[in-house]
Amino acid sequence: MQAAPVRATAIPSFADALRAVESLLMSGGQRTARRNAWTSVLEDRRRAKDRVEAQRVLEQAAGRS
């Protein structure tokens, strides 16, 4: 007797499930707009972090002079 072949299917991640629901509920344009908005939020956060770091470096440099 031979064992039946086992099929390995990946369990979708939570993010994959959210994307699937999003694709059902939103039109393509709305998805693009939401993703663009989120990309902007992430970029704003990165710039804010860079500003804080630059300010810290400037303050340290001014203190050493």
C-alpha atoms as a PDB file:
ATOM      1  CA  MET A   1       0.000   0.000   0.000  1.00  0.00           C
ATOM      2  CA  GLN A   2       1.299   3.404  -0.931  1.00  0.00           C
ATOM      3  CA  ALA A   3       0.662   6.559   1.078  1.00  0.00           C
ATOM      4  CA  ALA A   4      -1.268   9.337  -0.605  1.00  0.00           C
ATOM      5  CA  PRO A   5       0.834  12.340  -1.610  1.00  0.00           C
ATOM      6  CA  VAL A   6       0.659  15.247   0.786  1.00  0.00           C
ATOM      7  CA  ARG A   7      -0.031  18.677  -0.639  1.00  0.00           C
ATOM      8  CA  ALA A   8       1.527  21.546   1.253  1.00  0.00           C
ATOM      9  CA  THR A   9      -0.484  24.714   0.967  1.00  0.00           C
ATOM     10  CA  ALA A  10       0.678  27.826   2.732  1.00  0.00           C
ATOM     11  CA  ILE A  11      -1.668  29.277   5.295  1.00  0.00           C
ATOM     12  CA  PRO A  12      -2.312  32.877   4.278  1.00  0.00           C
ATOM     13  CA  SER A  13      -0.976  35.526   6.598  1.00  0.00           C
ATOM     14  CA  PHE A  14      -3.211  38.093   8.249  1.00  0.00           C
ATOM     15  CA  ALA A  15      -1.970  40.712   5.777  1.00  0.00           C
ATOM     16  CA  ASP A  16      -2.863  38.424   2.873  1.00  0.00           C
ATOM     17  CA  ALA A  17      -6.349  37.982   4.303  1.00  0.00           C
ATOM     18  CA  LEU A  18      -6.759  41.749   4.651  1.00  0.00           C
ATOM     19  CA  ARG A  19      -5.667  42.269   1.044  1.00  0.00           C
ATOM     20  CA  ALA A  20      -8.210  39.699  -0.111  1.00  0.00           C
ATOM     21  CA  VAL A  21     -11.017  41.431   1.796  1.00  0.00           C
ATOM     22  CA  GLU A  22      -9.822  44.786   0.504  1.00  0.00           C
ATOM     23  CA  SER A  23      -9.916  43.563  -3.082  1.00  0.00           C
ATOM     24  CA  LEU A  24     -13.499  42.416  -2.618  1.00  0.00           C
ATOM     25  CA  LEU A  25     -14.704  45.632  -0.985  1.00  0.00           C
ATOM     26  CA  MET A  26     -12.799  48.344  -2.830  1.00  0.00           C
ATOM     27  CA  SER A  27     -12.408  49.237  -6.437  1.00  0.00           C
ATOM     28  CA  GLY A  28      -8.911  49.405  -7.882  1.00  0.00           C
ATOM     29  CA  GLY A  29      -8.752  53.188  -7.639  1.00  0.00           C
ATOM     30  CA  GLN A  30      -9.692  53.188  -3.979  1.00  0.00           C
ATOM     31  CA  ARG A  31      -7.046  50.565  -3.226  1.00  0.00           C
ATOM     32  CA  THR A  32      -4.415  52.601  -5.028  1.00  0.00           C
ATOM     33  CA  ALA A  33      -5.425  55.767  -3.169  1.00  0.00           C
ATOM     34  CA  ARG A  34      -5.295  53.990   0.194  1.00  0.00           C
ATOM     35  CA  ARG A  35      -1.902  52.488  -0.521  1.00  0.00           C
ATOM     36  CA  ASN A  36      -0.563  55.833  -1.721  1.00  0.00           C
ATOM     37  CA  ALA A  37      -1.843  57.482   1.464  1.00  0.00           C
ATOM     38  CA  TRP A  38      -0.194  54.821   3.623  1.00  0.00           C
ATOM     39  CA  THR A  39       3.073  55.207   1.718  1.00  0.00           C
ATOM     40  CA  SER A  40       2.904  58.948   2.411  1.00  0.00           C
ATOM     41  CA  VAL A  41       2.355  58.313   6.120  1.00  0.00           C
ATOM     42  CA  LEU A  42       5.385  56.028   6.271  1.00  0.00           C
ATOM     43  CA  GLU A  43       7.507  58.558   4.391  1.00  0.00           C
ATOM     44  CA  ASP A  44       6.415  61.358   6.757  1.00  0.00           C
ATOM     45  CA  ARG A  45       7.396  59.198   9.725  1.00  0.00           C
ATOM     46  CA  ARG A  46      10.798  58.509   8.179  1.00  0.00           C
ATOM     47  CA  ARG A  47      11.403  62.216   7.560  1.00  0.00           C
ATOM     48  CA  ALA A  48      10.361  63.077  11.118  1.00  0.00           C
ATOM     49  CA  LYS A  49      12.790  60.480  12.473  1.00  0.00           C
ATOM     50  CA  ASP A  50      15.556  61.917  10.256  1.00  0.00           C
ATOM     51  CA  ARG A  51      14.801  65.453  11.516  1.00  0.00           C
ATOM     52  CA  VAL A  52      15.043  64.352  15.141  1.00  0.00           C
ATOM     53  CA  GLU A  53      18.337  62.605  14.443  1.00  0.00           C
ATOM     54  CA  ALA A  54      19.743  65.645  12.581  1.00  0.00           C
ATOM     55  CA  GLN A  55      18.704  67.943  15.427  1.00  0.00           C
ATOM     56  CA  ARG A  56      20.432  65.675  17.954  1.00  0.00           C
ATOM     57  CA  VAL A  57      23.638  65.647  15.904  1.00  0.00           C
ATOM     58  CA  LEU A  58      23.586  69.437  15.524  1.00  0.00           C
ATOM     59  CA  GLU A  59      23.062  69.929  19.244  1.00  0.00           C
ATOM     60  CA  GLN A  60      25.943  67.575  20.046  1.00  0.00           C
ATOM     61  CA  ALA A  61      28.207  69.369  17.564  1.00  0.00           C
ATOM     62  CA  ALA A  62      27.285  72.778  19.005  1.00  0.00           C
ATOM     63  CA  GLY A  63      28.049  71.547  22.531  1.00  0.00           C
ATOM     64  CA  ARG A  64      31.533  70.381  21.549  1.00  0.00           C
ATOM     65  CA  SER A  65      32.592  73.669  19.932  1.00  0.00           C
END
